[in-house]
Amino acid sequence: MEDNKKKSLIQYGVLAVVVMTLYMTGLHTEVIGFIQRGLLATGIMNPKVEVVSPTEATQNQPMANIQAADFNLQLLDIDGKVVSLEDLKGKVIFLNFWATWCPPCIAEMPNIAQLHEEMGDEVAFVMLSLDDDFEKAKAFNKRKGFNLPIYALASPLPAMYESSAIPTTYVIDAAGNLALTHKGMADYDNKKFKAFLKSLQ
């Protein structure tokens, strides 16, 4: 009985040291993100999307339900240049709010990078970092080899894009309407979501 107690204390002690080491080195975010990536692989977190033709969209969706996106958003790119969301008008826009300290953001980042690699010419990707220090976001993007177009805020955030959840993803169609709001992580690199993006062009 005493031996079992000693064994349990040693196991808890080792676990505590591992957890403390992860937190002190900052690796806990990536470890938790890696575990959450397994959850994403199940597909249960995928955004609910419906692929419809423009004709069907007009017939099935009353005009009152169509919400115009707010393009009054200034962004700072990795070179320090200020760009506007307005500059991307006319393209489908994938706007994702993320941060390096957010495990679910880290979990979905590889599948977003894959999606960007495949559809980056058709869709404008805006990966908006909410990190206090934009250099951290830039270093993370480079270290992971994602090559994602990341930005920082250069103006106040329009009310339309205020969310209590991170990550949050917004998709704006080529006509300038808000087509999707998804709060929380998701696997966007799947056939249905790609078809949804194509239907918005």
N, C-alpha and C. Protein backbone atom coordinates (compact mmCIF):
# COMPACT_ATOMS: atom_id res chain seq x y z
N MET A 1 0.83 -1.20 0.00
CA MET A 1 0.00 0.00 0.00
C MET A 1 0.87 1.26 0.00
N GLU A 2 1.91 1.25 0.85
CA GLU A 2 2.84 2.38 0.96
C GLU A 2 3.61 2.58 -0.34
N ASP A 3 3.99 1.43 -0.97
CA ASP A 3 4.71 1.47 -2.25
C ASP A 3 3.86 2.12 -3.34
N ASN A 4 2.58 1.77 -3.36
CA ASN A 4 1.66 2.35 -4.36
C ASN A 4 1.54 3.85 -4.18
N LYS A 5 1.50 4.28 -2.92
CA LYS A 5 1.39 5.70 -2.61
C LYS A 5 2.62 6.45 -3.10
N LYS A 6 3.80 5.85 -2.83
CA LYS A 6 5.07 6.45 -3.27
C LYS A 6 5.12 6.55 -4.80
N LYS A 7 4.70 5.47 -5.45
CA LYS A 7 4.69 5.41 -6.91
C LYS A 7 3.79 6.50 -7.49
N SER A 8 2.59 6.68 -6.90
CA SER A 8 1.66 7.69 -7.36
C SER A 8 2.24 9.09 -7.17
N LEU A 9 2.87 9.34 -6.03
CA LEU A 9 3.47 10.65 -5.76
C LEU A 9 4.58 10.96 -6.77
N ILE A 10 5.37 9.96 -7.10
CA ILE A 10 6.46 10.14 -8.08
C ILE A 10 5.86 10.46 -9.45
N GLN A 11 4.81 9.71 -9.83
CA GLN A 11 4.16 9.96 -11.13
C GLN A 11 3.58 11.36 -11.20
N TYR A 12 2.89 11.80 -10.14
CA TYR A 12 2.33 13.15 -10.10
C TYR A 12 3.43 14.21 -10.14
N GLY A 13 4.52 13.91 -9.45
CA GLY A 13 5.66 14.84 -9.43
C GLY A 13 6.26 15.01 -10.81
N VAL A 14 6.44 13.89 -11.53
CA VAL A 14 6.99 13.93 -12.89
C VAL A 14 6.04 14.69 -13.82
N LEU A 15 4.74 14.42 -13.69
CA LEU A 15 3.74 15.11 -14.51
C LEU A 15 3.76 16.61 -14.24
N ALA A 16 3.86 16.98 -12.96
CA ALA A 16 3.91 18.41 -12.60
C ALA A 16 5.14 19.09 -13.19
N VAL A 17 6.28 18.40 -13.18
CA VAL A 17 7.52 18.96 -13.75
C VAL A 17 7.36 19.15 -15.26
N VAL A 18 6.77 18.16 -15.94
CA VAL A 18 6.56 18.25 -17.38
C VAL A 18 5.64 19.43 -17.71
N VAL A 19 4.52 19.55 -16.97
CA VAL A 19 3.56 20.64 -17.20
C VAL A 19 4.22 21.99 -16.96
N MET A 20 4.97 22.12 -15.87
CA MET A 20 5.65 23.38 -15.55
C MET A 20 6.68 23.73 -16.63
N THR A 21 7.40 22.72 -17.11
CA THR A 21 8.41 22.94 -18.16
C THR A 21 7.75 23.45 -19.43
N LEU A 22 6.61 22.84 -19.80
CA LEU A 22 5.88 23.26 -21.01
C LEU A 22 5.42 24.71 -20.87
N TYR A 23 4.89 25.06 -19.70
CA TYR A 23 4.42 26.44 -19.49
C TYR A 23 5.57 27.43 -19.47
N MET A 24 6.69 27.06 -18.84
CA MET A 24 7.83 27.97 -18.73
C MET A 24 8.51 28.19 -20.08
N THR A 25 8.48 27.19 -20.94
CA THR A 25 9.11 27.33 -22.26
C THR A 25 8.12 27.86 -23.31
N GLY A 26 6.84 27.95 -22.95
CA GLY A 26 5.84 28.46 -23.88
C GLY A 26 5.36 27.40 -24.87
N LEU A 27 5.80 26.15 -24.68
CA LEU A 27 5.42 25.08 -25.61
C LEU A 27 4.03 24.51 -25.34
N HIS A 28 3.43 24.88 -24.20
CA HIS A 28 2.11 24.32 -23.87
C HIS A 28 1.06 24.63 -24.94
N THR A 29 1.14 25.82 -25.54
CA THR A 29 0.16 26.21 -26.57
C THR A 29 0.24 25.26 -27.76
N GLU A 30 1.47 24.96 -28.19
CA GLU A 30 1.64 24.08 -29.36
C GLU A 30 1.26 22.64 -29.04
N VAL A 31 1.54 22.21 -27.81
CA VAL A 31 1.19 20.83 -27.41
C VAL A 31 -0.33 20.68 -27.37
N ILE A 32 -1.01 21.65 -26.74
CA ILE A 32 -2.48 21.61 -26.67
C ILE A 32 -3.06 21.71 -28.09
N GLY A 33 -2.47 22.58 -28.91
CA GLY A 33 -2.92 22.73 -30.29
C GLY A 33 -2.77 21.43 -31.07
N PHE A 34 -1.67 20.72 -30.83
CA PHE A 34 -1.43 19.44 -31.51
C PHE A 34 -2.51 18.43 -31.11
N ILE A 35 -2.85 18.40 -29.83
CA ILE A 35 -3.89 17.47 -29.35
C ILE A 35 -5.24 17.83 -29.98
N GLN A 36 -5.54 19.14 -30.04
CA GLN A 36 -6.81 19.58 -30.62
C GLN A 36 -6.88 19.30 -32.11
N ARG A 37 -5.74 19.24 -32.77
CA ARG A 37 -5.72 18.91 -34.20
C ARG A 37 -6.31 17.53 -34.44
N GLY A 38 -6.11 16.63 -33.49
CA GLY A 38 -6.71 15.29 -33.58
C GLY A 38 -8.22 15.36 -33.58
N LEU A 39 -8.77 16.30 -32.78
CA LEU A 39 -10.22 16.51 -32.75
C LEU A 39 -10.72 17.05 -34.09
N LEU A 40 -9.95 17.95 -34.67
CA LEU A 40 -10.32 18.51 -35.98
C LEU A 40 -10.40 17.44 -37.05
N ALA A 41 -9.52 16.46 -36.95
CA ALA A 41 -9.46 15.39 -37.95
C ALA A 41 -10.76 14.58 -38.01
N THR A 42 -11.55 14.63 -36.94
CA THR A 42 -12.82 13.89 -36.93
C THR A 42 -13.88 14.54 -37.82
N GLY A 43 -13.72 15.84 -38.08
CA GLY A 43 -14.67 16.55 -38.93
C GLY A 43 -15.87 17.11 -38.19
N ILE A 44 -15.99 16.84 -36.88
CA ILE A 44 -17.17 17.31 -36.14
C ILE A 44 -17.14 18.82 -35.89
N MET A 45 -15.97 19.46 -36.07
CA MET A 45 -15.86 20.90 -35.83
C MET A 45 -15.98 21.71 -37.13
N ASN A 46 -16.21 21.04 -38.25
CA ASN A 46 -16.25 21.74 -39.54
C ASN A 46 -17.40 22.74 -39.59
N PRO A 47 -17.18 23.88 -40.29
CA PRO A 47 -18.26 24.86 -40.40
C PRO A 47 -19.41 24.32 -41.22
N LYS A 48 -20.62 24.73 -40.87
CA LYS A 48 -21.81 24.30 -41.62
C LYS A 48 -21.93 25.20 -42.85
N VAL A 49 -21.73 24.62 -44.01
CA VAL A 49 -21.82 25.39 -45.24
C VAL A 49 -22.77 24.71 -46.21
N GLU A 50 -23.40 25.52 -47.04
CA GLU A 50 -24.30 24.99 -48.06
C GLU A 50 -23.87 25.56 -49.40
N VAL A 51 -23.55 24.69 -50.31
CA VAL A 51 -23.12 25.13 -51.64
C VAL A 51 -24.35 25.31 -52.51
N VAL A 52 -24.58 26.55 -52.95
CA VAL A 52 -25.70 26.84 -53.82
C VAL A 52 -25.23 27.69 -55.00
N SER A 53 -25.93 27.57 -56.10
CA SER A 53 -25.60 28.40 -57.26
C SER A 53 -26.10 29.82 -57.00
N PRO A 54 -25.55 30.83 -57.69
CA PRO A 54 -26.03 32.21 -57.50
C PRO A 54 -27.53 32.35 -57.73
N THR A 55 -28.07 31.59 -58.69
CA THR A 55 -29.51 31.65 -58.98
C THR A 55 -30.31 31.13 -57.79
N GLU A 56 -29.87 29.98 -57.25
CA GLU A 56 -30.55 29.40 -56.09
C GLU A 56 -30.46 30.34 -54.90
N ALA A 57 -29.29 30.97 -54.72
CA ALA A 57 -29.09 31.88 -53.60
C ALA A 57 -30.10 33.03 -53.66
N THR A 58 -30.33 33.54 -54.86
CA THR A 58 -31.26 34.66 -55.04
C THR A 58 -32.70 34.20 -54.78
N GLN A 59 -33.03 32.99 -55.26
CA GLN A 59 -34.40 32.49 -55.11
C GLN A 59 -34.72 32.06 -53.68
N ASN A 60 -33.73 31.44 -53.01
CA ASN A 60 -33.97 30.87 -51.69
C ASN A 60 -33.70 31.78 -50.52
N GLN A 61 -32.95 32.85 -50.72
CA GLN A 61 -32.57 33.69 -49.61
C GLN A 61 -33.15 35.09 -49.79
N PRO A 62 -34.06 35.49 -48.92
CA PRO A 62 -34.64 36.83 -49.04
C PRO A 62 -33.54 37.87 -48.90
N MET A 63 -33.68 38.98 -49.63
CA MET A 63 -32.67 40.03 -49.62
C MET A 63 -32.41 40.56 -48.22
N ALA A 64 -33.41 40.53 -47.34
CA ALA A 64 -33.26 41.05 -45.99
C ALA A 64 -32.21 40.27 -45.19
N ASN A 65 -32.01 38.99 -45.56
CA ASN A 65 -31.06 38.15 -44.84
C ASN A 65 -29.62 38.34 -45.31
N ILE A 66 -29.44 39.00 -46.42
CA ILE A 66 -28.10 39.21 -46.95
C ILE A 66 -27.50 40.42 -46.24
N GLN A 67 -26.35 40.18 -45.63
CA GLN A 67 -25.69 41.24 -44.87
C GLN A 67 -24.42 41.68 -45.58
N ALA A 68 -24.36 42.95 -45.93
CA ALA A 68 -23.16 43.48 -46.59
C ALA A 68 -22.00 43.48 -45.61
N ALA A 69 -20.85 43.07 -46.08
CA ALA A 69 -19.65 43.06 -45.24
C ALA A 69 -19.15 44.49 -45.03
N ASP A 70 -18.52 44.73 -43.89
CA ASP A 70 -17.94 46.04 -43.60
C ASP A 70 -16.49 46.01 -44.07
N PHE A 71 -16.17 46.82 -45.07
CA PHE A 71 -14.81 46.85 -45.62
C PHE A 71 -13.97 47.97 -45.00
N ASN A 72 -14.52 48.63 -43.98
CA ASN A 72 -13.83 49.74 -43.33
C ASN A 72 -12.84 49.19 -42.28
N LEU A 73 -11.83 48.48 -42.78
CA LEU A 73 -10.84 47.86 -41.90
C LEU A 73 -9.45 48.03 -42.50
N GLN A 74 -8.57 48.66 -41.74
CA GLN A 74 -7.20 48.87 -42.17
C GLN A 74 -6.31 47.81 -41.54
N LEU A 75 -5.39 47.28 -42.33
CA LEU A 75 -4.52 46.19 -41.89
C LEU A 75 -3.06 46.55 -42.11
N LEU A 76 -2.21 46.03 -41.25
CA LEU A 76 -0.77 46.23 -41.39
C LEU A 76 -0.17 44.91 -41.86
N ASP A 77 0.51 44.90 -43.01
CA ASP A 77 1.10 43.65 -43.51
C ASP A 77 2.49 43.42 -42.90
N ILE A 78 3.12 42.31 -43.27
CA ILE A 78 4.41 41.95 -42.65
C ILE A 78 5.54 42.91 -43.01
N ASP A 79 5.35 43.70 -44.06
CA ASP A 79 6.37 44.68 -44.46
C ASP A 79 6.11 46.05 -43.85
N GLY A 80 5.07 46.15 -43.02
CA GLY A 80 4.77 47.42 -42.38
C GLY A 80 3.90 48.33 -43.22
N LYS A 81 3.37 47.81 -44.32
CA LYS A 81 2.53 48.61 -45.21
C LYS A 81 1.06 48.49 -44.78
N VAL A 82 0.36 49.61 -44.75
CA VAL A 82 -1.06 49.60 -44.40
C VAL A 82 -1.89 49.34 -45.65
N VAL A 83 -2.73 48.33 -45.56
CA VAL A 83 -3.64 47.99 -46.66
C VAL A 83 -5.07 47.97 -46.12
N SER A 84 -6.01 48.11 -47.01
CA SER A 84 -7.42 48.13 -46.60
C SER A 84 -8.12 46.87 -47.07
N LEU A 85 -9.09 46.44 -46.29
CA LEU A 85 -9.91 45.30 -46.71
C LEU A 85 -10.63 45.66 -48.01
N GLU A 86 -10.90 46.93 -48.19
CA GLU A 86 -11.53 47.45 -49.40
C GLU A 86 -10.74 47.07 -50.65
N ASP A 87 -9.40 46.99 -50.52
CA ASP A 87 -8.54 46.64 -51.66
C ASP A 87 -8.83 45.24 -52.20
N LEU A 88 -9.44 44.40 -51.36
CA LEU A 88 -9.71 43.01 -51.73
C LEU A 88 -11.13 42.81 -52.25
N LYS A 89 -11.90 43.88 -52.26
CA LYS A 89 -13.29 43.79 -52.70
C LYS A 89 -13.36 43.22 -54.11
N GLY A 90 -14.33 42.35 -54.35
CA GLY A 90 -14.48 41.71 -55.65
C GLY A 90 -13.93 40.29 -55.66
N LYS A 91 -13.18 39.94 -54.60
CA LYS A 91 -12.67 38.57 -54.44
C LYS A 91 -13.38 37.93 -53.25
N VAL A 92 -13.38 36.62 -53.20
CA VAL A 92 -13.83 35.92 -52.00
C VAL A 92 -12.73 36.14 -50.96
N ILE A 93 -13.13 36.51 -49.74
CA ILE A 93 -12.15 36.79 -48.67
C ILE A 93 -12.35 35.82 -47.52
N PHE A 94 -11.25 35.18 -47.12
CA PHE A 94 -11.21 34.30 -45.96
C PHE A 94 -10.50 35.09 -44.86
N LEU A 95 -11.27 35.59 -43.89
CA LEU A 95 -10.75 36.45 -42.83
C LEU A 95 -10.75 35.68 -41.51
N ASN A 96 -9.56 35.41 -40.99
CA ASN A 96 -9.42 34.58 -39.80
C ASN A 96 -8.72 35.37 -38.69
N PHE A 97 -9.33 35.38 -37.50
CA PHE A 97 -8.74 36.03 -36.33
C PHE A 97 -8.05 34.95 -35.50
N TRP A 98 -6.77 35.16 -35.22
CA TRP A 98 -5.98 34.14 -34.54
C TRP A 98 -4.91 34.81 -33.67
N ALA A 99 -4.21 33.99 -32.88
CA ALA A 99 -3.08 34.48 -32.09
C ALA A 99 -2.16 33.31 -31.77
N THR A 100 -0.90 33.60 -31.53
CA THR A 100 0.08 32.54 -31.24
C THR A 100 -0.15 31.91 -29.87
N TRP A 101 -0.85 32.60 -28.98
CA TRP A 101 -1.11 32.08 -27.63
C TRP A 101 -2.40 31.25 -27.55
N CYS A 102 -3.05 31.05 -28.68
CA CYS A 102 -4.36 30.39 -28.73
C CYS A 102 -4.24 28.96 -29.28
N PRO A 103 -4.34 27.93 -28.42
CA PRO A 103 -4.21 26.54 -28.90
C PRO A 103 -5.15 26.15 -30.05
N PRO A 104 -6.45 26.52 -30.01
CA PRO A 104 -7.31 26.14 -31.14
C PRO A 104 -6.86 26.80 -32.46
N CYS A 105 -6.29 28.01 -32.36
CA CYS A 105 -5.77 28.69 -33.56
C CYS A 105 -4.61 27.89 -34.14
N ILE A 106 -3.74 27.45 -33.23
CA ILE A 106 -2.57 26.66 -33.64
C ILE A 106 -3.02 25.34 -34.26
N ALA A 107 -4.10 24.78 -33.70
CA ALA A 107 -4.62 23.49 -34.19
C ALA A 107 -5.12 23.59 -35.62
N GLU A 108 -5.82 24.69 -35.97
CA GLU A 108 -6.40 24.79 -37.31
C GLU A 108 -5.45 25.39 -38.35
N MET A 109 -4.33 25.95 -37.89
CA MET A 109 -3.43 26.65 -38.81
C MET A 109 -2.88 25.76 -39.93
N PRO A 110 -2.46 24.51 -39.68
CA PRO A 110 -1.94 23.69 -40.79
C PRO A 110 -2.97 23.45 -41.89
N ASN A 111 -4.26 23.24 -41.53
CA ASN A 111 -5.24 23.01 -42.59
C ASN A 111 -5.57 24.30 -43.33
N ILE A 112 -5.46 25.45 -42.66
CA ILE A 112 -5.66 26.73 -43.36
C ILE A 112 -4.50 26.96 -44.32
N ALA A 113 -3.29 26.60 -43.87
CA ALA A 113 -2.11 26.74 -44.75
C ALA A 113 -2.26 25.88 -46.00
N GLN A 114 -2.80 24.67 -45.83
CA GLN A 114 -3.04 23.78 -46.97
C GLN A 114 -4.07 24.38 -47.93
N LEU A 115 -5.14 24.92 -47.34
CA LEU A 115 -6.20 25.54 -48.14
C LEU A 115 -5.63 26.74 -48.90
N HIS A 116 -4.82 27.54 -48.24
CA HIS A 116 -4.20 28.70 -48.87
C HIS A 116 -3.30 28.29 -50.02
N GLU A 117 -2.55 27.22 -49.81
CA GLU A 117 -1.65 26.72 -50.85
C GLU A 117 -2.43 26.34 -52.10
N GLU A 118 -3.60 25.73 -51.89
CA GLU A 118 -4.41 25.27 -53.02
C GLU A 118 -5.27 26.38 -53.65
N MET A 119 -5.80 27.28 -52.81
CA MET A 119 -6.78 28.24 -53.32
C MET A 119 -6.35 29.71 -53.17
N GLY A 120 -5.09 29.94 -52.84
CA GLY A 120 -4.60 31.29 -52.61
C GLY A 120 -4.71 32.22 -53.79
N ASP A 121 -4.79 31.67 -55.00
CA ASP A 121 -4.95 32.52 -56.19
C ASP A 121 -6.41 32.92 -56.42
N GLU A 122 -7.33 32.10 -55.91
CA GLU A 122 -8.76 32.36 -56.11
C GLU A 122 -9.39 33.11 -54.95
N VAL A 123 -8.83 32.92 -53.77
CA VAL A 123 -9.40 33.48 -52.54
C VAL A 123 -8.35 34.36 -51.86
N ALA A 124 -8.78 35.52 -51.36
CA ALA A 124 -7.88 36.41 -50.62
C ALA A 124 -7.88 35.97 -49.15
N PHE A 125 -6.74 35.56 -48.65
CA PHE A 125 -6.62 35.13 -47.26
C PHE A 125 -6.11 36.30 -46.41
N VAL A 126 -6.81 36.55 -45.32
CA VAL A 126 -6.40 37.60 -44.38
C VAL A 126 -6.34 36.94 -43.00
N MET A 127 -5.13 36.62 -42.57
CA MET A 127 -4.92 36.01 -41.26
C MET A 127 -4.57 37.14 -40.30
N LEU A 128 -5.58 37.57 -39.54
CA LEU A 128 -5.43 38.76 -38.69
C LEU A 128 -4.98 38.36 -37.29
N SER A 129 -3.72 38.67 -36.98
CA SER A 129 -3.15 38.32 -35.68
C SER A 129 -3.64 39.26 -34.59
N LEU A 130 -4.04 38.68 -33.48
CA LEU A 130 -4.46 39.46 -32.31
C LEU A 130 -3.37 39.49 -31.24
N ASP A 131 -2.16 39.07 -31.61
CA ASP A 131 -1.04 39.13 -30.68
C ASP A 131 -0.71 40.58 -30.35
N ASP A 132 -0.31 40.83 -29.10
CA ASP A 132 0.12 42.18 -28.70
C ASP A 132 1.37 42.58 -29.47
N ASP A 133 2.21 41.60 -29.73
CA ASP A 133 3.46 41.84 -30.46
C ASP A 133 3.37 41.14 -31.82
N PHE A 134 3.23 41.92 -32.88
CA PHE A 134 3.08 41.36 -34.23
C PHE A 134 4.31 40.55 -34.65
N GLU A 135 5.47 40.88 -34.09
CA GLU A 135 6.70 40.15 -34.42
C GLU A 135 6.57 38.68 -34.05
N LYS A 136 5.85 38.38 -32.97
CA LYS A 136 5.64 36.98 -32.55
C LYS A 136 4.88 36.22 -33.63
N ALA A 137 3.86 36.86 -34.18
CA ALA A 137 3.04 36.24 -35.23
C ALA A 137 3.87 36.00 -36.48
N LYS A 138 4.68 36.99 -36.83
CA LYS A 138 5.52 36.86 -38.03
C LYS A 138 6.55 35.73 -37.85
N ALA A 139 7.14 35.67 -36.65
CA ALA A 139 8.13 34.63 -36.37
C ALA A 139 7.50 33.24 -36.39
N PHE A 140 6.29 33.12 -35.85
CA PHE A 140 5.56 31.85 -35.83
C PHE A 140 5.29 31.38 -37.26
N ASN A 141 4.78 32.28 -38.10
CA ASN A 141 4.45 31.97 -39.49
C ASN A 141 5.69 31.48 -40.24
N LYS A 142 6.82 32.15 -39.99
CA LYS A 142 8.07 31.78 -40.66
C LYS A 142 8.61 30.45 -40.14
N ARG A 143 8.60 30.30 -38.80
CA ARG A 143 9.13 29.07 -38.18
C ARG A 143 8.37 27.83 -38.63
N LYS A 144 7.05 27.97 -38.79
CA LYS A 144 6.22 26.84 -39.20
C LYS A 144 6.25 26.62 -40.71
N GLY A 145 6.79 27.58 -41.46
CA GLY A 145 6.85 27.45 -42.92
C GLY A 145 5.49 27.54 -43.59
N PHE A 146 4.54 28.27 -42.96
CA PHE A 146 3.19 28.36 -43.50
C PHE A 146 3.07 29.31 -44.69
N ASN A 147 3.82 30.39 -44.68
CA ASN A 147 3.76 31.38 -45.76
C ASN A 147 2.36 31.96 -45.94
N LEU A 148 1.64 32.10 -44.82
CA LEU A 148 0.30 32.68 -44.86
C LEU A 148 0.37 34.20 -44.86
N PRO A 149 -0.57 34.87 -45.53
CA PRO A 149 -0.60 36.34 -45.50
C PRO A 149 -1.15 36.82 -44.15
N ILE A 150 -0.25 37.18 -43.24
CA ILE A 150 -0.69 37.60 -41.91
C ILE A 150 -0.66 39.12 -41.78
N TYR A 151 -1.55 39.61 -40.96
CA TYR A 151 -1.74 41.04 -40.77
C TYR A 151 -1.97 41.34 -39.29
N ALA A 152 -1.78 42.62 -38.95
CA ALA A 152 -2.16 43.14 -37.64
C ALA A 152 -3.17 44.25 -37.87
N LEU A 153 -3.93 44.59 -36.85
CA LEU A 153 -4.90 45.67 -36.96
C LEU A 153 -4.19 47.01 -37.10
N ALA A 154 -4.67 47.84 -38.02
CA ALA A 154 -4.14 49.19 -38.18
C ALA A 154 -5.25 50.22 -38.00
N SER A 155 -6.44 49.75 -37.60
CA SER A 155 -7.57 50.64 -37.35
C SER A 155 -8.50 49.94 -36.37
N PRO A 156 -9.46 50.67 -35.80
CA PRO A 156 -10.43 49.99 -34.91
C PRO A 156 -11.17 48.89 -35.68
N LEU A 157 -11.55 47.87 -34.96
CA LEU A 157 -12.27 46.74 -35.56
C LEU A 157 -13.74 47.10 -35.74
N PRO A 158 -14.28 46.97 -36.95
CA PRO A 158 -15.72 47.21 -37.14
C PRO A 158 -16.55 46.27 -36.26
N ALA A 159 -17.68 46.76 -35.79
CA ALA A 159 -18.54 45.99 -34.88
C ALA A 159 -18.91 44.62 -35.45
N MET A 160 -19.04 44.55 -36.78
CA MET A 160 -19.41 43.29 -37.44
C MET A 160 -18.43 42.16 -37.14
N TYR A 161 -17.18 42.51 -36.91
CA TYR A 161 -16.15 41.50 -36.71
C TYR A 161 -15.73 41.32 -35.25
N GLU A 162 -16.49 41.90 -34.34
CA GLU A 162 -16.17 41.72 -32.93
C GLU A 162 -16.73 40.37 -32.48
N SER A 163 -15.86 39.57 -31.88
CA SER A 163 -16.26 38.23 -31.47
C SER A 163 -15.64 37.91 -30.13
N SER A 164 -16.39 37.18 -29.31
CA SER A 164 -15.87 36.77 -28.00
C SER A 164 -15.03 35.50 -28.13
N ALA A 165 -15.05 34.89 -29.31
CA ALA A 165 -14.32 33.64 -29.52
C ALA A 165 -13.09 33.87 -30.38
N ILE A 166 -12.07 33.09 -30.10
CA ILE A 166 -10.89 33.07 -30.95
C ILE A 166 -10.45 31.61 -31.08
N PRO A 167 -10.24 31.09 -32.27
CA PRO A 167 -10.33 31.78 -33.55
C PRO A 167 -11.79 32.02 -33.97
N THR A 168 -11.96 33.03 -34.80
CA THR A 168 -13.23 33.26 -35.50
C THR A 168 -12.88 33.51 -36.96
N THR A 169 -13.66 32.91 -37.84
CA THR A 169 -13.44 33.05 -39.28
C THR A 169 -14.68 33.64 -39.95
N TYR A 170 -14.43 34.61 -40.81
CA TYR A 170 -15.49 35.22 -41.61
C TYR A 170 -15.16 34.97 -43.08
N VAL A 171 -16.17 34.64 -43.86
CA VAL A 171 -15.98 34.52 -45.31
C VAL A 171 -16.88 35.54 -45.98
N ILE A 172 -16.28 36.35 -46.84
CA ILE A 172 -17.00 37.39 -47.57
C ILE A 172 -17.03 36.97 -49.04
N ASP A 173 -18.21 37.01 -49.66
CA ASP A 173 -18.31 36.58 -51.05
C ASP A 173 -17.83 37.69 -52.00
N ALA A 174 -17.71 37.34 -53.27
CA ALA A 174 -17.18 38.28 -54.27
C ALA A 174 -18.09 39.48 -54.47
N ALA A 175 -19.36 39.37 -54.08
CA ALA A 175 -20.30 40.48 -54.20
C ALA A 175 -20.22 41.42 -53.00
N GLY A 176 -19.40 41.04 -52.01
CA GLY A 176 -19.22 41.90 -50.84
C GLY A 176 -20.14 41.61 -49.68
N ASN A 177 -20.75 40.41 -49.67
CA ASN A 177 -21.65 40.02 -48.58
C ASN A 177 -20.97 39.07 -47.61
N LEU A 178 -21.36 39.16 -46.35
CA LEU A 178 -20.84 38.24 -45.34
C LEU A 178 -21.53 36.89 -45.54
N ALA A 179 -20.78 35.89 -45.99
CA ALA A 179 -21.37 34.60 -46.34
C ALA A 179 -21.27 33.58 -45.22
N LEU A 180 -20.31 33.77 -44.30
CA LEU A 180 -20.11 32.79 -43.22
C LEU A 180 -19.42 33.45 -42.03
N THR A 181 -19.90 33.10 -40.84
CA THR A 181 -19.21 33.44 -39.60
C THR A 181 -19.07 32.13 -38.84
N HIS A 182 -17.84 31.74 -38.54
CA HIS A 182 -17.63 30.50 -37.78
C HIS A 182 -16.76 30.81 -36.57
N LYS A 183 -17.33 30.60 -35.37
CA LYS A 183 -16.60 30.84 -34.13
C LYS A 183 -16.01 29.53 -33.64
N GLY A 184 -14.70 29.54 -33.33
CA GLY A 184 -14.03 28.34 -32.90
C GLY A 184 -13.21 27.72 -34.02
N MET A 185 -12.48 26.68 -33.68
CA MET A 185 -11.60 26.06 -34.67
C MET A 185 -12.39 25.19 -35.64
N ALA A 186 -11.78 24.92 -36.79
CA ALA A 186 -12.42 24.08 -37.81
C ALA A 186 -11.36 23.54 -38.75
N ASP A 187 -11.73 22.50 -39.47
CA ASP A 187 -10.89 21.99 -40.55
C ASP A 187 -11.48 22.52 -41.84
N TYR A 188 -10.81 23.51 -42.43
CA TYR A 188 -11.31 24.14 -43.65
C TYR A 188 -10.79 23.46 -44.91
N ASP A 189 -9.83 22.57 -44.76
CA ASP A 189 -9.23 21.93 -45.92
C ASP A 189 -10.00 20.66 -46.30
N ASN A 190 -11.25 20.84 -46.73
CA ASN A 190 -12.05 19.68 -47.14
C ASN A 190 -12.86 20.05 -48.39
N LYS A 191 -13.32 19.03 -49.11
CA LYS A 191 -13.99 19.23 -50.40
C LYS A 191 -15.21 20.13 -50.30
N LYS A 192 -16.01 19.93 -49.27
CA LYS A 192 -17.26 20.71 -49.15
C LYS A 192 -16.96 22.19 -48.95
N PHE A 193 -15.98 22.50 -48.11
CA PHE A 193 -15.66 23.91 -47.87
C PHE A 193 -15.04 24.56 -49.11
N LYS A 194 -14.21 23.81 -49.81
CA LYS A 194 -13.61 24.34 -51.04
C LYS A 194 -14.69 24.63 -52.08
N ALA A 195 -15.66 23.73 -52.19
CA ALA A 195 -16.77 23.93 -53.14
C ALA A 195 -17.59 25.15 -52.72
N PHE A 196 -17.74 25.34 -51.42
CA PHE A 196 -18.46 26.51 -50.89
C PHE A 196 -17.73 27.79 -51.30
N LEU A 197 -16.43 27.83 -51.14
CA LEU A 197 -15.65 29.01 -51.53
C LEU A 197 -15.78 29.30 -53.02
N LYS A 198 -15.71 28.24 -53.82
CA LYS A 198 -15.84 28.41 -55.27
C LYS A 198 -17.22 28.95 -55.65
N SER A 199 -18.25 28.53 -54.91
CA SER A 199 -19.62 28.98 -55.22
C SER A 199 -19.83 30.44 -54.91
N LEU A 200 -18.92 31.04 -54.15
CA LEU A 200 -19.06 32.45 -53.76
C LEU A 200 -18.37 33.42 -54.73
N GLN A 201 -17.69 32.85 -55.74
CA GLN A 201 -16.91 33.71 -56.67
C GLN A 201 -17.82 34.43 -57.65
